[in-house]
C-alpha cells in the first residue's frame, strides 16, 4: 500500500485542461443575487437585432453563473487583486 493520502475534499486539485470548454464573452454584469448559500451572477452582452430597420442594440443575457458563497468570496478577492494591478493584470501585458 502507498503512504500517499488521497486528495481530500477541500484540498486544491490540479485542474484538468479541457480545450472544448466554452468561452463566453460578456461586456457587463446585469445583476446578482444570493439564495440558499449560493451567489448568482447574471452577465450580458450588447447585441444587435437585425430584424429591425435600422438594427437596434439590445442587452442580452449570455451567462448565469451560480457559485457557492465561499467560491464567490474567492472570486471577489481574486478580481479585487486584478483590479489593483491595473490594466496589465496578472500577465503583465
N, C-alpha and C. Protein backbone atom coordinates (compact mmCIF):
# COMPACT_ATOMS: atom_id res chain seq x y z
N UNK A 1 0.83 -1.19 0.00
CA UNK A 1 0.00 0.00 0.00
C UNK A 1 0.87 1.25 0.00
N UNK A 2 0.35 2.29 -0.58
CA UNK A 2 1.07 3.55 -0.66
C UNK A 2 0.81 4.37 0.60
N UNK A 3 1.81 5.18 1.01
CA UNK A 3 1.63 6.06 2.15
C UNK A 3 0.99 7.39 1.74
N UNK A 4 0.78 7.60 0.44
CA UNK A 4 0.19 8.85 -0.03
C UNK A 4 -1.28 8.90 0.35
N UNK A 5 -1.69 10.08 0.80
CA UNK A 5 -3.08 10.28 1.16
C UNK A 5 -3.88 10.68 -0.08
N UNK A 6 -5.14 10.26 -0.19
CA UNK A 6 -5.96 10.70 -1.33
C UNK A 6 -6.25 12.18 -1.21
N UNK A 7 -6.57 12.79 -2.33
CA UNK A 7 -6.95 14.20 -2.34
C UNK A 7 -8.28 14.35 -1.61
N UNK A 8 -8.28 15.02 -0.48
CA UNK A 8 -9.48 15.19 0.32
C UNK A 8 -10.29 16.36 -0.19
N UNK A 9 -11.59 16.32 0.03
CA UNK A 9 -12.44 17.45 -0.33
C UNK A 9 -11.92 18.69 0.36
N UNK A 10 -11.81 19.77 -0.33
CA UNK A 10 -11.28 21.00 0.25
C UNK A 10 -9.82 21.20 -0.05
N UNK A 11 -9.10 20.12 -0.36
CA UNK A 11 -7.70 20.26 -0.76
C UNK A 11 -7.67 20.66 -2.22
N UNK A 12 -6.78 21.58 -2.60
CA UNK A 12 -6.76 22.00 -4.00
C UNK A 12 -6.41 20.83 -4.91
N UNK A 13 -7.10 20.75 -6.02
CA UNK A 13 -6.85 19.70 -7.01
C UNK A 13 -6.25 20.34 -8.25
N UNK A 14 -5.47 19.58 -8.97
CA UNK A 14 -4.92 20.08 -10.22
C UNK A 14 -6.05 20.22 -11.24
N UNK A 15 -6.09 21.33 -11.98
CA UNK A 15 -7.15 21.48 -12.99
C UNK A 15 -6.92 20.53 -14.15
N UNK A 16 -8.00 20.07 -14.73
CA UNK A 16 -7.94 19.25 -15.93
C UNK A 16 -8.17 20.18 -17.10
N UNK A 17 -7.22 20.24 -18.01
CA UNK A 17 -7.33 21.13 -19.17
C UNK A 17 -8.36 20.54 -20.13
N UNK A 18 -9.35 21.35 -20.49
CA UNK A 18 -10.38 20.93 -21.42
C UNK A 18 -10.46 21.97 -22.53
N UNK A 19 -9.85 21.68 -23.66
CA UNK A 19 -9.83 22.63 -24.78
C UNK A 19 -11.23 22.88 -25.34
N UNK A 20 -12.19 22.01 -25.04
CA UNK A 20 -13.55 22.17 -25.54
C UNK A 20 -14.43 22.99 -24.59
N UNK A 21 -13.87 23.43 -23.46
CA UNK A 21 -14.67 24.23 -22.53
C UNK A 21 -15.10 25.53 -23.21
N UNK A 22 -16.34 25.93 -23.04
CA UNK A 22 -16.81 27.14 -23.73
C UNK A 22 -16.17 28.41 -23.18
N UNK A 23 -15.95 29.35 -24.07
CA UNK A 23 -15.50 30.69 -23.71
C UNK A 23 -16.69 31.60 -24.00
N UNK A 24 -17.14 32.32 -22.99
CA UNK A 24 -18.33 33.16 -23.13
C UNK A 24 -17.92 34.61 -22.94
N UNK A 25 -18.24 35.44 -23.91
CA UNK A 25 -17.94 36.86 -23.83
C UNK A 25 -19.12 37.59 -23.19
N UNK A 26 -18.81 38.42 -22.23
CA UNK A 26 -19.82 39.29 -21.61
C UNK A 26 -19.20 40.66 -21.45
N UNK A 27 -19.96 41.71 -21.72
CA UNK A 27 -19.39 43.05 -21.55
C UNK A 27 -19.98 43.82 -20.38
N UNK A 28 -20.87 43.19 -19.63
CA UNK A 28 -21.36 43.83 -18.40
C UNK A 28 -22.06 42.82 -17.49
N UNK A 29 -22.13 43.19 -16.23
CA UNK A 29 -22.85 42.41 -15.23
C UNK A 29 -24.25 42.99 -15.12
N UNK A 30 -25.25 42.18 -15.39
CA UNK A 30 -26.64 42.66 -15.34
C UNK A 30 -27.20 42.66 -13.92
N UNK A 31 -26.76 41.70 -13.12
CA UNK A 31 -27.29 41.65 -11.76
C UNK A 31 -26.70 40.50 -10.98
N UNK A 32 -27.01 40.48 -9.70
CA UNK A 32 -26.53 39.44 -8.81
C UNK A 32 -27.55 39.22 -7.71
N UNK A 33 -27.53 38.04 -7.15
CA UNK A 33 -28.43 37.73 -6.05
C UNK A 33 -27.88 36.59 -5.22
N UNK A 34 -28.38 36.47 -4.00
CA UNK A 34 -27.97 35.40 -3.10
C UNK A 34 -29.21 34.62 -2.70
N UNK A 35 -29.10 33.30 -2.78
CA UNK A 35 -30.21 32.43 -2.40
C UNK A 35 -29.65 31.10 -1.92
N UNK A 36 -30.07 30.66 -0.77
CA UNK A 36 -29.72 29.35 -0.21
C UNK A 36 -28.21 29.10 -0.21
N UNK A 37 -27.44 30.13 0.14
CA UNK A 37 -25.99 29.97 0.24
C UNK A 37 -25.25 30.04 -1.07
N UNK A 38 -25.94 30.36 -2.16
CA UNK A 38 -25.32 30.48 -3.47
C UNK A 38 -25.43 31.91 -3.97
N UNK A 39 -24.42 32.34 -4.71
CA UNK A 39 -24.42 33.66 -5.33
C UNK A 39 -24.64 33.45 -6.83
N UNK A 40 -25.64 34.12 -7.38
CA UNK A 40 -25.92 34.04 -8.81
C UNK A 40 -25.53 35.36 -9.46
N UNK A 41 -24.67 35.28 -10.48
CA UNK A 41 -24.25 36.45 -11.24
C UNK A 41 -24.82 36.30 -12.64
N UNK A 42 -25.50 37.34 -13.12
CA UNK A 42 -26.07 37.32 -14.47
C UNK A 42 -25.31 38.32 -15.32
N UNK A 43 -24.69 37.80 -16.38
CA UNK A 43 -23.88 38.62 -17.29
C UNK A 43 -24.62 38.85 -18.59
N UNK A 44 -24.28 39.94 -19.24
CA UNK A 44 -24.91 40.26 -20.51
C UNK A 44 -23.92 40.77 -21.52
N UNK A 45 -24.42 40.92 -22.74
CA UNK A 45 -23.62 41.48 -23.81
C UNK A 45 -24.53 42.30 -24.72
N UNK A 46 -23.94 43.28 -25.37
CA UNK A 46 -24.68 44.09 -26.33
C UNK A 46 -24.80 43.29 -27.62
N UNK A 47 -26.00 43.28 -28.16
CA UNK A 47 -26.28 42.53 -29.37
C UNK A 47 -27.23 43.35 -30.22
N UNK A 48 -27.10 43.23 -31.52
CA UNK A 48 -27.97 43.99 -32.41
C UNK A 48 -29.08 43.11 -32.95
N UNK A 49 -30.29 43.66 -32.96
CA UNK A 49 -31.45 42.97 -33.53
C UNK A 49 -31.56 43.43 -34.98
N UNK A 50 -31.13 42.55 -35.91
CA UNK A 50 -31.14 42.90 -37.33
C UNK A 50 -32.50 42.66 -37.97
N UNK A 51 -33.48 42.24 -37.16
CA UNK A 51 -34.84 42.12 -37.65
C UNK A 51 -35.53 43.48 -37.70
N UNK A 52 -34.90 44.49 -37.10
CA UNK A 52 -35.43 45.84 -37.10
C UNK A 52 -34.70 46.68 -38.15
N UNK A 53 -35.37 47.69 -38.65
CA UNK A 53 -34.73 48.58 -39.62
C UNK A 53 -34.87 50.01 -39.12
N UNK A 54 -33.82 50.65 -38.66
CA UNK A 54 -32.44 50.17 -38.62
C UNK A 54 -32.26 49.20 -37.44
N UNK A 55 -31.22 48.36 -37.51
CA UNK A 55 -30.96 47.43 -36.41
C UNK A 55 -30.79 48.19 -35.09
N UNK A 56 -31.33 47.61 -34.03
CA UNK A 56 -31.27 48.26 -32.72
C UNK A 56 -30.42 47.44 -31.77
N UNK A 57 -29.64 48.13 -30.94
CA UNK A 57 -28.81 47.47 -29.93
C UNK A 57 -29.68 47.05 -28.75
N UNK A 58 -29.46 45.84 -28.28
CA UNK A 58 -30.16 45.33 -27.10
C UNK A 58 -29.13 44.75 -26.16
N UNK A 59 -29.52 44.54 -24.91
CA UNK A 59 -28.67 43.86 -23.94
C UNK A 59 -29.27 42.47 -23.73
N UNK A 60 -28.48 41.45 -24.02
CA UNK A 60 -28.95 40.07 -23.92
C UNK A 60 -28.21 39.35 -22.80
N UNK A 61 -28.94 38.54 -22.04
CA UNK A 61 -28.29 37.67 -21.06
C UNK A 61 -27.50 36.62 -21.81
N UNK A 62 -26.22 36.46 -21.46
CA UNK A 62 -25.39 35.46 -22.13
C UNK A 62 -24.86 34.40 -21.17
N UNK A 63 -24.97 34.65 -19.85
CA UNK A 63 -24.44 33.68 -18.88
C UNK A 63 -25.03 33.94 -17.51
N UNK A 64 -25.42 32.86 -16.85
CA UNK A 64 -25.77 32.91 -15.44
C UNK A 64 -24.80 31.99 -14.72
N UNK A 65 -24.03 32.56 -13.83
CA UNK A 65 -23.02 31.80 -13.09
C UNK A 65 -23.47 31.68 -11.65
N UNK A 66 -23.59 30.46 -11.15
CA UNK A 66 -24.01 30.21 -9.77
C UNK A 66 -22.83 29.61 -9.03
N UNK A 67 -22.45 30.26 -7.92
CA UNK A 67 -21.30 29.85 -7.12
C UNK A 67 -21.70 29.68 -5.66
N UNK A 68 -21.15 28.68 -4.98
CA UNK A 68 -21.33 28.65 -3.53
C UNK A 68 -20.72 29.92 -2.94
N UNK A 69 -21.22 30.38 -1.81
CA UNK A 69 -20.78 31.64 -1.21
C UNK A 69 -19.26 31.68 -1.03
N UNK A 70 -18.64 30.58 -0.61
CA UNK A 70 -17.19 30.56 -0.39
C UNK A 70 -16.44 30.78 -1.69
N UNK A 71 -16.90 30.15 -2.78
CA UNK A 71 -16.25 30.33 -4.08
C UNK A 71 -16.46 31.76 -4.59
N UNK A 72 -17.63 32.35 -4.32
CA UNK A 72 -17.88 33.73 -4.72
C UNK A 72 -16.96 34.68 -3.98
N UNK A 73 -16.69 34.40 -2.70
CA UNK A 73 -15.77 35.23 -1.93
C UNK A 73 -14.36 35.13 -2.50
N UNK A 74 -13.94 33.93 -2.88
CA UNK A 74 -12.62 33.75 -3.51
C UNK A 74 -12.55 34.51 -4.83
N UNK A 75 -13.62 34.45 -5.61
CA UNK A 75 -13.67 35.17 -6.89
C UNK A 75 -13.57 36.67 -6.66
N UNK A 76 -14.31 37.19 -5.68
CA UNK A 76 -14.28 38.62 -5.38
C UNK A 76 -12.87 39.06 -4.97
N UNK A 77 -12.20 38.25 -4.16
CA UNK A 77 -10.84 38.57 -3.73
C UNK A 77 -9.89 38.57 -4.93
N UNK A 78 -10.00 37.57 -5.79
CA UNK A 78 -9.15 37.48 -6.96
C UNK A 78 -9.37 38.64 -7.91
N UNK A 79 -10.63 38.97 -8.18
CA UNK A 79 -10.93 40.10 -9.07
C UNK A 79 -10.42 41.40 -8.46
N UNK A 80 -10.56 41.56 -7.16
CA UNK A 80 -10.04 42.75 -6.48
C UNK A 80 -8.54 42.89 -6.68
N UNK A 81 -7.82 41.78 -6.58
CA UNK A 81 -6.38 41.80 -6.80
C UNK A 81 -6.05 42.18 -8.24
N UNK A 82 -6.81 41.68 -9.20
CA UNK A 82 -6.57 42.00 -10.61
C UNK A 82 -6.82 43.48 -10.87
N UNK A 83 -7.87 44.03 -10.26
CA UNK A 83 -8.19 45.45 -10.44
C UNK A 83 -7.08 46.32 -9.86
N UNK A 84 -6.55 45.92 -8.70
CA UNK A 84 -5.46 46.69 -8.08
C UNK A 84 -4.21 46.69 -8.94
N UNK A 85 -3.97 45.60 -9.67
CA UNK A 85 -2.79 45.52 -10.53
C UNK A 85 -2.93 46.40 -11.76
N UNK A 86 -4.14 46.80 -12.07
CA UNK A 86 -4.33 47.68 -13.21
C UNK A 86 -4.49 46.93 -14.52
N UNK A 87 -4.42 47.66 -15.63
CA UNK A 87 -4.66 47.07 -16.95
C UNK A 87 -3.75 45.89 -17.30
N UNK A 88 -2.53 45.87 -16.74
CA UNK A 88 -1.62 44.78 -17.05
C UNK A 88 -2.10 43.45 -16.47
N UNK A 89 -2.87 43.49 -15.39
CA UNK A 89 -3.39 42.27 -14.78
C UNK A 89 -2.30 41.32 -14.36
N UNK A 90 -2.62 40.05 -14.37
CA UNK A 90 -1.69 39.03 -13.89
C UNK A 90 -0.58 38.73 -14.90
N UNK A 91 -0.86 38.95 -16.19
CA UNK A 91 0.09 38.55 -17.23
C UNK A 91 1.14 39.61 -17.53
N UNK A 92 0.93 40.82 -17.05
CA UNK A 92 1.89 41.87 -17.31
C UNK A 92 1.89 42.36 -18.74
N UNK A 93 0.84 42.04 -19.50
CA UNK A 93 0.81 42.50 -20.90
C UNK A 93 -0.04 43.73 -21.08
